[in-house]
Amino acid sequence: MGEFAGGVGMGTERITELQFAVNEIATNTVVHTDGSGTLKVWQEDAAVVCEISDRGRITDPLAGRMLVGPDRPAGRGLLLAAVMSDLLQIVNHDSGTTIRIRKNNR
């Protein structure tokens, strides 16, 4: 994914942020589902889009948008991914959840 992003003109810092965001979501797939998921990566206009689909379900409509208190040892991955992305979308569907991360090239 990093090579792809670099190949379409994304700078090193933005590539690192994109990789961080995708890693957070992929880790959630491994930890919170049956461990399998699908990653798709493509260019859309002046951005790289990464889409992670798995069979998990995110039922909280504010997941990834609210701070988690210091008393909770987990629950920050979606928020961190959202901060590192230009746009993070969560879509639930019959077979699970798809999270789309968009990072502009500049």
PDB file of N, CA and C in Angstrom:
ATOM      1  N   MET A   1       0.816  -1.176   0.000  1.00  0.00           N
ATOM      2  CA  MET A   1       0.000   0.000   0.000  1.00  0.00           C
ATOM      3  C   MET A   1       0.869   1.253   0.000  1.00  0.00           C
ATOM      4  N   GLY A   2       1.946   1.237   0.763  1.00  0.00           N
ATOM      5  CA  GLY A   2       2.846   2.375   0.804  1.00  0.00           C
ATOM      6  C   GLY A   2       3.477   2.653  -0.542  1.00  0.00           C
ATOM      7  N   GLU A   3       3.903   1.600  -1.231  1.00  0.00           N
ATOM      8  CA  GLU A   3       4.481   1.772  -2.567  1.00  0.00           C
ATOM      9  C   GLU A   3       3.450   2.332  -3.536  1.00  0.00           C
ATOM     10  N   PHE A   4       2.233   1.828  -3.440  1.00  0.00           N
ATOM     11  CA  PHE A   4       1.159   2.327  -4.304  1.00  0.00           C
ATOM     12  C   PHE A   4       0.940   3.819  -4.056  1.00  0.00           C
ATOM     13  N   ALA A   5       0.815   4.203  -2.786  1.00  0.00           N
ATOM     14  CA  ALA A   5       0.584   5.606  -2.439  1.00  0.00           C
ATOM     15  C   ALA A   5       1.735   6.484  -2.922  1.00  0.00           C
ATOM     16  N   GLY A   6       2.959   6.017  -2.755  1.00  0.00           N
ATOM     17  CA  GLY A   6       4.103   6.776  -3.240  1.00  0.00           C
ATOM     18  C   GLY A   6       4.096   6.895  -4.759  1.00  0.00           C
ATOM     19  N   GLY A   7       3.653   5.840  -5.418  1.00  0.00           N
ATOM     20  CA  GLY A   7       3.600   5.827  -6.875  1.00  0.00           C
ATOM     21  C   GLY A   7       2.585   6.787  -7.467  1.00  0.00           C
ATOM     22  N   VAL A   8       1.607   7.184  -6.689  1.00  0.00           N
ATOM     23  CA  VAL A   8       0.617   8.141  -7.189  1.00  0.00           C
ATOM     24  C   VAL A   8       0.853   9.541  -6.627  1.00  0.00           C
ATOM     25  N   GLY A   9       2.042   9.751  -6.033  1.00  0.00           N
ATOM     26  CA  GLY A   9       2.450  11.098  -5.650  1.00  0.00           C
ATOM     27  C   GLY A   9       2.263  11.494  -4.206  1.00  0.00           C
ATOM     28  N   MET A  10       1.922  10.547  -3.334  1.00  0.00           N
ATOM     29  CA  MET A  10       1.756  10.886  -1.925  1.00  0.00           C
ATOM     30  C   MET A  10       3.124  10.992  -1.255  1.00  0.00           C
ATOM     31  N   GLY A  11       3.282  12.008  -0.400  1.00  0.00           N
ATOM     32  CA  GLY A  11       4.530  12.212   0.308  1.00  0.00           C
ATOM     33  C   GLY A  11       4.717  11.234   1.460  1.00  0.00           C
ATOM     34  N   THR A  12       5.942  11.144   1.928  1.00  0.00           N
ATOM     35  CA  THR A  12       6.322  10.168   2.955  1.00  0.00           C
ATOM     36  C   THR A  12       5.510  10.308   4.241  1.00  0.00           C
ATOM     37  N   GLU A  13       5.322  11.520   4.719  1.00  0.00           N
ATOM     38  CA  GLU A  13       4.581  11.716   5.969  1.00  0.00           C
ATOM     39  C   GLU A  13       3.132  11.255   5.836  1.00  0.00           C
ATOM     40  N   ARG A  14       2.506  11.594   4.711  1.00  0.00           N
ATOM     41  CA  ARG A  14       1.112  11.190   4.499  1.00  0.00           C
ATOM     42  C   ARG A  14       1.008   9.679   4.311  1.00  0.00           C
ATOM     43  N   ILE A  15       1.996   9.069   3.670  1.00  0.00           N
ATOM     44  CA  ILE A  15       2.008   7.607   3.533  1.00  0.00           C
ATOM     45  C   ILE A  15       2.075   6.957   4.908  1.00  0.00           C
ATOM     46  N   THR A  16       2.933   7.468   5.779  1.00  0.00           N
ATOM     47  CA  THR A  16       3.054   6.925   7.136  1.00  0.00           C
ATOM     48  C   THR A  16       1.729   7.032   7.884  1.00  0.00           C
ATOM     49  N   GLU A  17       1.051   8.170   7.762  1.00  0.00           N
ATOM     50  CA  GLU A  17      -0.248   8.340   8.411  1.00  0.00           C
ATOM     51  C   GLU A  17      -1.284   7.358   7.859  1.00  0.00           C
ATOM     52  N   LEU A  18      -1.284   7.174   6.541  1.00  0.00           N
ATOM     53  CA  LEU A  18      -2.209   6.224   5.917  1.00  0.00           C
ATOM     54  C   LEU A  18      -1.924   4.809   6.392  1.00  0.00           C
ATOM     55  N   GLN A  19      -0.662   4.422   6.418  1.00  0.00           N
ATOM     56  CA  GLN A  19      -0.292   3.089   6.888  1.00  0.00           C
ATOM     57  C   GLN A  19      -0.707   2.885   8.344  1.00  0.00           C
ATOM     58  N   PHE A  20      -0.540   3.898   9.162  1.00  0.00           N
ATOM     59  CA  PHE A  20      -0.944   3.820  10.565  1.00  0.00           C
ATOM     60  C   PHE A  20      -2.450   3.576  10.666  1.00  0.00           C
ATOM     61  N   ALA A  21      -3.233   4.351   9.917  1.00  0.00           N
ATOM     62  CA  ALA A  21      -4.694   4.223   9.957  1.00  0.00           C
ATOM     63  C   ALA A  21      -5.133   2.838   9.504  1.00  0.00           C
ATOM     64  N   VAL A  22      -4.580   2.355   8.412  1.00  0.00           N
ATOM     65  CA  VAL A  22      -4.950   1.030   7.896  1.00  0.00           C
ATOM     66  C   VAL A  22      -4.531  -0.052   8.880  1.00  0.00           C
ATOM     67  N   ASN A  23      -3.376   0.086   9.491  1.00  0.00           N
ATOM     68  CA  ASN A  23      -2.918  -0.891  10.479  1.00  0.00           C
ATOM     69  C   ASN A  23      -3.874  -0.960  11.668  1.00  0.00           C
ATOM     70  N   GLU A  24      -4.361   0.184  12.141  1.00  0.00           N
ATOM     71  CA  GLU A  24      -5.311   0.194  13.259  1.00  0.00           C
ATOM     72  C   GLU A  24      -6.580  -0.584  12.903  1.00  0.00           C
ATOM     73  N   ILE A  25      -7.090  -0.361  11.706  1.00  0.00           N
ATOM     74  CA  ILE A  25      -8.324  -1.044  11.298  1.00  0.00           C
ATOM     75  C   ILE A  25      -8.057  -2.527  11.065  1.00  0.00           C
ATOM     76  N   ALA A  26      -6.944  -2.855  10.439  1.00  0.00           N
ATOM     77  CA  ALA A  26      -6.609  -4.268  10.218  1.00  0.00           C
ATOM     78  C   ALA A  26      -6.423  -5.004  11.545  1.00  0.00           C
ATOM     79  N   THR A  27      -5.816  -4.340  12.514  1.00  0.00           N
ATOM     80  CA  THR A  27      -5.652  -4.935  13.841  1.00  0.00           C
ATOM     81  C   THR A  27      -7.013  -5.195  14.472  1.00  0.00           C
ATOM     82  N   ASN A  28      -7.944  -4.249  14.318  1.00  0.00           N
ATOM     83  CA  ASN A  28      -9.300  -4.461  14.827  1.00  0.00           C
ATOM     84  C   ASN A  28      -9.950  -5.677  14.170  1.00  0.00           C
ATOM     85  N   THR A  29      -9.715  -5.858  12.885  1.00  0.00           N
ATOM     86  CA  THR A  29     -10.263  -7.024  12.189  1.00  0.00           C
ATOM     87  C   THR A  29      -9.739  -8.309  12.810  1.00  0.00           C
ATOM     88  N   VAL A  30      -8.441  -8.364  13.052  1.00  0.00           N
ATOM     89  CA  VAL A  30      -7.838  -9.577  13.616  1.00  0.00           C
ATOM     90  C   VAL A  30      -8.320  -9.823  15.047  1.00  0.00           C
ATOM     91  N   VAL A  31      -8.402  -8.766  15.845  1.00  0.00           N
ATOM     92  CA  VAL A  31      -8.728  -8.909  17.267  1.00  0.00           C
ATOM     93  C   VAL A  31     -10.226  -9.098  17.515  1.00  0.00           C
ATOM     94  N   HIS A  32     -11.065  -8.404  16.769  1.00  0.00           N
ATOM     95  CA  HIS A  32     -12.488  -8.348  17.106  1.00  0.00           C
ATOM     96  C   HIS A  32     -13.402  -9.159  16.195  1.00  0.00           C
ATOM     97  N   THR A  33     -12.841  -9.841  15.199  1.00  0.00           N
ATOM     98  CA  THR A  33     -13.665 -10.676  14.318  1.00  0.00           C
ATOM     99  C   THR A  33     -13.064 -12.073  14.291  1.00  0.00           C
ATOM    100  N   ASP A  34     -13.450 -12.839  13.287  1.00  0.00           N
ATOM    101  CA  ASP A  34     -12.883 -14.179  13.141  1.00  0.00           C
ATOM    102  C   ASP A  34     -11.451 -14.139  12.609  1.00  0.00           C
ATOM    103  N   GLY A  35     -10.928 -12.942  12.385  1.00  0.00           N
ATOM    104  CA  GLY A  35      -9.539 -12.787  11.973  1.00  0.00           C
ATOM    105  C   GLY A  35      -9.333 -12.612  10.491  1.00  0.00           C
ATOM    106  N   SER A  36     -10.382 -12.746   9.690  1.00  0.00           N
ATOM    107  CA  SER A  36     -10.200 -12.589   8.258  1.00  0.00           C
ATOM    108  C   SER A  36     -10.882 -11.317   7.774  1.00  0.00           C
ATOM    109  N   GLY A  37     -10.287 -10.720   6.779  1.00  0.00           N
ATOM    110  CA  GLY A  37     -10.833  -9.513   6.188  1.00  0.00           C
ATOM    111  C   GLY A  37     -10.226  -9.296   4.822  1.00  0.00           C
ATOM    112  N   THR A  38     -10.715  -8.274   4.139  1.00  0.00           N
ATOM    113  CA  THR A  38     -10.244  -7.963   2.795  1.00  0.00           C
ATOM    114  C   THR A  38      -9.827  -6.505   2.741  1.00  0.00           C
ATOM    115  N   LEU A  39      -8.667  -6.247   2.154  1.00  0.00           N
ATOM    116  CA  LEU A  39      -8.184  -4.881   1.959  1.00  0.00           C
ATOM    117  C   LEU A  39      -8.150  -4.600   0.468  1.00  0.00           C
ATOM    118  N   LYS A  40      -8.768  -3.496   0.074  1.00  0.00           N
ATOM    119  CA  LYS A  40      -8.701  -3.016  -1.302  1.00  0.00           C
ATOM    120  C   LYS A  40      -8.100  -1.624  -1.275  1.00  0.00           C
ATOM    121  N   VAL A  41      -7.268  -1.318  -2.266  1.00  0.00           N
ATOM    122  CA  VAL A  41      -6.604  -0.012  -2.346  1.00  0.00           C
ATOM    123  C   VAL A  41      -6.726   0.498  -3.779  1.00  0.00           C
ATOM    124  N   TRP A  42      -7.105   1.777  -3.912  1.00  0.00           N
ATOM    125  CA  TRP A  42      -7.173   2.362  -5.243  1.00  0.00           C
ATOM    126  C   TRP A  42      -6.982   3.869  -5.153  1.00  0.00           C
ATOM    127  N   GLN A  43      -6.756   4.463  -6.320  1.00  0.00           N
ATOM    128  CA  GLN A  43      -6.639   5.916  -6.412  1.00  0.00           C
ATOM    129  C   GLN A  43      -7.983   6.473  -6.850  1.00  0.00           C
ATOM    130  N   GLU A  44      -8.371   7.578  -6.229  1.00  0.00           N
ATOM    131  CA  GLU A  44      -9.615   8.256  -6.574  1.00  0.00           C
ATOM    132  C   GLU A  44      -9.325   9.745  -6.591  1.00  0.00           C
ATOM    133  N   ASP A  45      -9.375  10.339  -7.761  1.00  0.00           N
ATOM    134  CA  ASP A  45      -8.986  11.738  -7.929  1.00  0.00           C
ATOM    135  C   ASP A  45      -7.575  11.918  -7.375  1.00  0.00           C
ATOM    136  N   ALA A  46      -7.358  12.862  -6.469  1.00  0.00           N
ATOM    137  CA  ALA A  46      -6.030  13.107  -5.910  1.00  0.00           C
ATOM    138  C   ALA A  46      -5.904  12.480  -4.531  1.00  0.00           C
ATOM    139  N   ALA A  47      -6.414  11.257  -4.370  1.00  0.00           N
ATOM    140  CA  ALA A  47      -6.386  10.587  -3.067  1.00  0.00           C
ATOM    141  C   ALA A  47      -6.166   9.094  -3.248  1.00  0.00           C
ATOM    142  N   VAL A  48      -5.724   8.475  -2.166  1.00  0.00           N
ATOM    143  CA  VAL A  48      -5.649   7.013  -2.091  1.00  0.00           C
ATOM    144  C   VAL A  48      -6.768   6.581  -1.151  1.00  0.00           C
ATOM    145  N   VAL A  49      -7.510   5.563  -1.563  1.00  0.00           N
ATOM    146  CA  VAL A  49      -8.602   5.028  -0.766  1.00  0.00           C
ATOM    147  C   VAL A  49      -8.257   3.593  -0.393  1.00  0.00           C
ATOM    148  N   CYS A  50      -8.394   3.276   0.887  1.00  0.00           N
ATOM    149  CA  CYS A  50      -8.181   1.924   1.391  1.00  0.00           C
ATOM    150  C   CYS A  50      -9.485   1.470   2.033  1.00  0.00           C
ATOM    151  N   GLU A  51      -9.935   0.297   1.657  1.00  0.00           N
ATOM    152  CA  GLU A  51     -11.206  -0.220   2.162  1.00  0.00           C
ATOM    153  C   GLU A  51     -10.963  -1.577   2.812  1.00  0.00           C
ATOM    154  N   ILE A  52     -11.334  -1.698   4.073  1.00  0.00           N
ATOM    155  CA  ILE A  52     -11.174  -2.932   4.830  1.00  0.00           C
ATOM    156  C   ILE A  52     -12.560  -3.470   5.143  1.00  0.00           C
ATOM    157  N   SER A  53     -12.842  -4.689   4.710  1.00  0.00           N
ATOM    158  CA  SER A  53     -14.134  -5.324   4.968  1.00  0.00           C
ATOM    159  C   SER A  53     -13.911  -6.585   5.777  1.00  0.00           C
ATOM    160  N   ASP A  54     -14.793  -6.814   6.753  1.00  0.00           N
ATOM    161  CA  ASP A  54     -14.732  -8.038   7.544  1.00  0.00           C
ATOM    162  C   ASP A  54     -16.138  -8.408   7.990  1.00  0.00           C
ATOM    163  N   ARG A  55     -16.250  -9.490   8.746  1.00  0.00           N
ATOM    164  CA  ARG A  55     -17.561  -9.963   9.180  1.00  0.00           C
ATOM    165  C   ARG A  55     -17.961  -9.435  10.553  1.00  0.00           C
ATOM    166  N   GLY A  56     -17.198  -8.488  11.088  1.00  0.00           N
ATOM    167  CA  GLY A  56     -17.531  -7.890  12.377  1.00  0.00           C
ATOM    168  C   GLY A  56     -18.665  -6.885  12.247  1.00  0.00           C
ATOM    169  N   ARG A  57     -19.160  -6.450  13.395  1.00  0.00           N
ATOM    170  CA  ARG A  57     -20.237  -5.458  13.426  1.00  0.00           C
ATOM    171  C   ARG A  57     -19.845  -4.324  14.372  1.00  0.00           C
ATOM    172  N   ILE A  58     -19.988  -3.112  13.912  1.00  0.00           N
ATOM    173  CA  ILE A  58     -19.793  -1.932  14.757  1.00  0.00           C
ATOM    174  C   ILE A  58     -21.176  -1.346  14.977  1.00  0.00           C
ATOM    175  N   THR A  59     -21.657  -1.453  16.200  1.00  0.00           N
ATOM    176  CA  THR A  59     -23.032  -1.034  16.474  1.00  0.00           C
ATOM    177  C   THR A  59     -23.132   0.382  17.034  1.00  0.00           C
ATOM    178  N   ASP A  60     -22.046   0.919  17.546  1.00  0.00           N
ATOM    179  CA  ASP A  60     -22.057   2.266  18.115  1.00  0.00           C
ATOM    180  C   ASP A  60     -21.937   3.298  16.994  1.00  0.00           C
ATOM    181  N   PRO A  61     -22.953   4.127  16.766  1.00  0.00           N
ATOM    182  CA  PRO A  61     -22.872   5.103  15.682  1.00  0.00           C
ATOM    183  C   PRO A  61     -21.797   6.170  15.900  1.00  0.00           C
ATOM    184  N   LEU A  62     -21.293   6.310  17.115  1.00  0.00           N
ATOM    185  CA  LEU A  62     -20.237   7.284  17.396  1.00  0.00           C
ATOM    186  C   LEU A  62     -18.851   6.646  17.490  1.00  0.00           C
ATOM    187  N   ALA A  63     -18.750   5.376  17.158  1.00  0.00           N
ATOM    188  CA  ALA A  63     -17.445   4.698  17.199  1.00  0.00           C
ATOM    189  C   ALA A  63     -16.452   5.441  16.308  1.00  0.00           C
ATOM    190  N   GLY A  64     -15.287   5.704  16.850  1.00  0.00           N
ATOM    191  CA  GLY A  64     -14.255   6.417  16.113  1.00  0.00           C
ATOM    192  C   GLY A  64     -14.409   7.926  16.121  1.00  0.00           C
ATOM    193  N   ARG A  65     -15.400   8.415  16.838  1.00  0.00           N
ATOM    194  CA  ARG A  65     -15.645   9.848  16.862  1.00  0.00           C
ATOM    195  C   ARG A  65     -15.633  10.439  18.270  1.00  0.00           C
ATOM    196  N   MET A  66     -15.495   9.591  19.256  1.00  0.00           N
ATOM    197  CA  MET A  66     -15.537  10.031  20.652  1.00  0.00           C
ATOM    198  C   MET A  66     -14.249   9.612  21.361  1.00  0.00           C
ATOM    199  N   LEU A  67     -13.782  10.479  22.250  1.00  0.00           N
ATOM    200  CA  LEU A  67     -12.624  10.149  23.063  1.00  0.00           C
ATOM    201  C   LEU A  67     -12.979   9.036  24.044  1.00  0.00           C
ATOM    202  N   VAL A  68     -12.021   8.190  24.320  1.00  0.00           N
ATOM    203  CA  VAL A  68     -12.195   7.101  25.283  1.00  0.00           C
ATOM    204  C   VAL A  68     -11.472   7.500  26.557  1.00  0.00           C
ATOM    205  N   GLY A  69     -12.113   7.309  27.694  1.00  0.00           N
ATOM    206  CA  GLY A  69     -11.538   7.695  28.978  1.00  0.00           C
ATOM    207  C   GLY A  69     -10.282   6.919  29.322  1.00  0.00           C
ATOM    208  N   PRO A  70      -9.456   7.480  30.194  1.00  0.00           N
ATOM    209  CA  PRO A  70      -8.189   6.838  30.562  1.00  0.00           C
ATOM    210  C   PRO A  70      -8.384   5.535  31.348  1.00  0.00           C
ATOM    211  N   ASP A  71      -9.589   5.303  31.852  1.00  0.00           N
ATOM    212  CA  ASP A  71      -9.860   4.080  32.607  1.00  0.00           C
ATOM    213  C   ASP A  71     -10.078   2.873  31.689  1.00  0.00           C
ATOM    214  N   ARG A  72     -10.203   3.094  30.386  1.00  0.00           N
ATOM    215  CA  ARG A  72     -10.390   1.996  29.442  1.00  0.00           C
ATOM    216  C   ARG A  72      -9.081   1.668  28.753  1.00  0.00           C
ATOM    217  N   PRO A  73      -8.653   0.411  28.793  1.00  0.00           N
ATOM    218  CA  PRO A  73      -7.363   0.054  28.200  1.00  0.00           C
ATOM    219  C   PRO A  73      -7.388  -0.041  26.677  1.00  0.00           C
ATOM    220  N   ALA A  74      -8.565  -0.051  26.071  1.00  0.00           N
ATOM    221  CA  ALA A  74      -8.665  -0.207  24.612  1.00  0.00           C
ATOM    222  C   ALA A  74      -9.752   0.718  24.084  1.00  0.00           C
ATOM    223  N   GLY A  75      -9.980   0.657  22.781  1.00  0.00           N
ATOM    224  CA  GLY A  75     -11.062   1.421  22.187  1.00  0.00           C
ATOM    225  C   GLY A  75     -10.637   2.697  21.491  1.00  0.00           C
ATOM    226  N   ARG A  76      -9.353   2.826  21.189  1.00  0.00           N
ATOM    227  CA  ARG A  76      -8.869   4.054  20.559  1.00  0.00           C
ATOM    228  C   ARG A  76      -8.502   3.886  19.091  1.00  0.00           C
ATOM    229  N   GLY A  77      -8.498   2.654  18.599  1.00  0.00           N
ATOM    230  CA  GLY A  77      -8.040   2.381  17.231  1.00  0.00           C
ATOM    231  C   GLY A  77      -8.817   3.111  16.164  1.00  0.00           C
ATOM    232  N   LEU A  78     -10.146   3.081  16.236  1.00  0.00           N
ATOM    233  CA  LEU A  78     -10.959   3.773  15.239  1.00  0.00           C
ATOM    234  C   LEU A  78     -10.739   5.282  15.286  1.00  0.00           C
ATOM    235  N   LEU A  79     -10.650   5.835  16.485  1.00  0.00           N
ATOM    236  CA  LEU A  79     -10.415   7.270  16.623  1.00  0.00           C
ATOM    237  C   LEU A  79      -9.048   7.656  16.062  1.00  0.00           C
ATOM    238  N   LEU A  80      -8.028   6.870  16.377  1.00  0.00           N
ATOM    239  CA  LEU A  80      -6.696   7.150  15.836  1.00  0.00           C
ATOM    240  C   LEU A  80      -6.690   7.061  14.317  1.00  0.00           C
ATOM    241  N   ALA A  81      -7.364   6.052  13.780  1.00  0.00           N
ATOM    242  CA  ALA A  81      -7.442   5.915  12.323  1.00  0.00           C
ATOM    243  C   ALA A  81      -8.160   7.110  11.713  1.00  0.00           C
ATOM    244  N   ALA A  82      -9.226   7.571  12.366  1.00  0.00           N
ATOM    245  CA  ALA A  82      -9.966   8.728  11.859  1.00  0.00           C
ATOM    246  C   ALA A  82      -9.103   9.981  11.863  1.00  0.00           C
ATOM    247  N   VAL A  83      -8.316  10.162  12.913  1.00  0.00           N
ATOM    248  CA  VAL A  83      -7.441  11.336  13.012  1.00  0.00           C
ATOM    249  C   VAL A  83      -6.370  11.309  11.918  1.00  0.00           C
ATOM    250  N   MET A  84      -5.870  10.137  11.586  1.00  0.00           N
ATOM    251  CA  MET A  84      -4.815  10.008  10.578  1.00  0.00           C
ATOM    252  C   MET A  84      -5.351  10.029   9.149  1.00  0.00           C
ATOM    253  N   SER A  85      -6.665  10.005   8.997  1.00  0.00           N
ATOM    254  CA  SER A  85      -7.307   9.979   7.677  1.00  0.00           C
ATOM    255  C   SER A  85      -7.877  11.352   7.348  1.00  0.00           C
ATOM    256  N   ASP A  86      -8.073  11.597   6.068  1.00  0.00           N
ATOM    257  CA  ASP A  86      -8.829  12.778   5.677  1.00  0.00           C
ATOM    258  C   ASP A  86     -10.322  12.489   5.749  1.00  0.00           C
ATOM    259  N   LEU A  87     -10.693  11.227   5.598  1.00  0.00           N
ATOM    260  CA  LEU A  87     -12.081  10.807   5.741  1.00  0.00           C
ATOM    261  C   LEU A  87     -12.091   9.332   6.124  1.00  0.00           C
ATOM    262  N   LEU A  88     -12.852   8.999   7.145  1.00  0.00           N
ATOM    263  CA  LEU A  88     -13.043   7.608   7.542  1.00  0.00           C
ATOM    264  C   LEU A  88     -14.542   7.347   7.587  1.00  0.00           C
ATOM    265  N   GLN A  89     -14.979   6.358   6.817  1.00  0.00           N
ATOM    266  CA  GLN A  89     -16.397   6.004   6.756  1.00  0.00           C
ATOM    267  C   GLN A  89     -16.581   4.583   7.267  1.00  0.00           C
ATOM    268  N   ILE A  90     -17.619   4.366   8.052  1.00  0.00           N
ATOM    269  CA  ILE A  90     -17.962   3.049   8.574  1.00  0.00           C
ATOM    270  C   ILE A  90     -19.336   2.688   8.033  1.00  0.00           C
ATOM    271  N   VAL A  91     -19.416   1.560   7.340  1.00  0.00           N
ATOM    272  CA  VAL A  91     -20.686   1.119   6.768  1.00  0.00           C
ATOM    273  C   VAL A  91     -20.951  -0.312   7.216  1.00  0.00           C
ATOM    274  N   ASN A  92     -22.053  -0.518   7.916  1.00  0.00           N
ATOM    275  CA  ASN A  92     -22.494  -1.859   8.276  1.00  0.00           C
ATOM    276  C   ASN A  92     -23.368  -2.399   7.150  1.00  0.00           C
ATOM    277  N   HIS A  93     -23.220  -3.683   6.875  1.00  0.00           N
ATOM    278  CA  HIS A  93     -24.045  -4.336   5.864  1.00  0.00           C
ATOM    279  C   HIS A  93     -24.368  -5.743   6.345  1.00  0.00           C
ATOM    280  N   ASP A  94     -25.156  -6.469   5.601  1.00  0.00           N
ATOM    281  CA  ASP A  94     -25.626  -7.785   6.034  1.00  0.00           C
ATOM    282  C   ASP A  94     -24.498  -8.745   6.409  1.00  0.00           C
ATOM    283  N   SER A  95     -23.376  -8.665   5.703  1.00  0.00           N
ATOM    284  CA  SER A  95     -22.302  -9.626   5.954  1.00  0.00           C
ATOM    285  C   SER A  95     -21.202  -9.099   6.866  1.00  0.00           C
ATOM    286  N   GLY A  96     -21.338  -7.877   7.399  1.00  0.00           N
ATOM    287  CA  GLY A  96     -20.322  -7.361   8.314  1.00  0.00           C
ATOM    288  C   GLY A  96     -20.182  -5.856   8.235  1.00  0.00           C
ATOM    289  N   THR A  97     -18.927  -5.397   8.225  1.00  0.00           N
ATOM    290  CA  THR A  97     -18.635  -3.965   8.228  1.00  0.00           C
ATOM    291  C   THR A  97     -17.558  -3.661   7.204  1.00  0.00           C
ATOM    292  N   THR A  98     -17.677  -2.513   6.570  1.00  0.00           N
ATOM    293  CA  THR A  98     -16.647  -2.008   5.671  1.00  0.00           C
ATOM    294  C   THR A  98     -16.221  -0.637   6.177  1.00  0.00           C
ATOM    295  N   ILE A  99     -14.924  -0.465   6.305  1.00  0.00           N
ATOM    296  CA  ILE A  99     -14.368   0.833   6.707  1.00  0.00           C
ATOM    297  C   ILE A  99     -13.525   1.343   5.554  1.00  0.00           C
ATOM    298  N   ARG A 100     -13.829   2.557   5.134  1.00  0.00           N
ATOM    299  CA  ARG A 100     -13.119   3.173   4.025  1.00  0.00           C
ATOM    300  C   ARG A 100     -12.320   4.353   4.555  1.00  0.00           C
ATOM    301  N   ILE A 101     -11.032   4.352   4.242  1.00  0.00           N
ATOM    302  CA  ILE A 101     -10.110   5.413   4.641  1.00  0.00           C
ATOM    303  C   ILE A 101      -9.662   6.146   3.387  1.00  0.00           C
ATOM    304  N   ARG A 102      -9.830   7.455   3.405  1.00  0.00           N
ATOM    305  CA  ARG A 102      -9.399   8.277   2.278  1.00  0.00           C
ATOM    306  C   ARG A 102      -8.300   9.216   2.758  1.00  0.00           C
ATOM    307  N   LYS A 103      -7.226   9.254   2.002  1.00  0.00           N
ATOM    308  CA  LYS A 103      -6.097  10.145   2.318  1.00  0.00           C
ATOM    309  C   LYS A 103      -5.711  10.880   1.043  1.00  0.00           C
ATOM    310  N   ASN A 104      -5.850  12.208   1.068  1.00  0.00           N
ATOM    311  CA  ASN A 104      -5.483  13.007  -0.091  1.00  0.00           C
ATOM    312  C   ASN A 104      -3.977  12.980  -0.289  1.00  0.00           C
ATOM    313  N   ASN A 105      -3.550  13.091  -1.542  1.00  0.00           N
ATOM    314  CA  ASN A 105      -2.123  13.057  -1.843  1.00  0.00           C
ATOM    315  C   ASN A 105      -1.371  14.229  -1.232  1.00  0.00           C
ATOM    316  N   ARG A 106      -2.041  15.352  -1.050  1.00  0.00           N
ATOM    317  CA  ARG A 106      -1.388  16.556  -0.521  1.00  0.00           C
ATOM    318  C   ARG A 106      -2.190  17.137   0.607  1.00  0.00           C
TER     319      ARG A 106
END
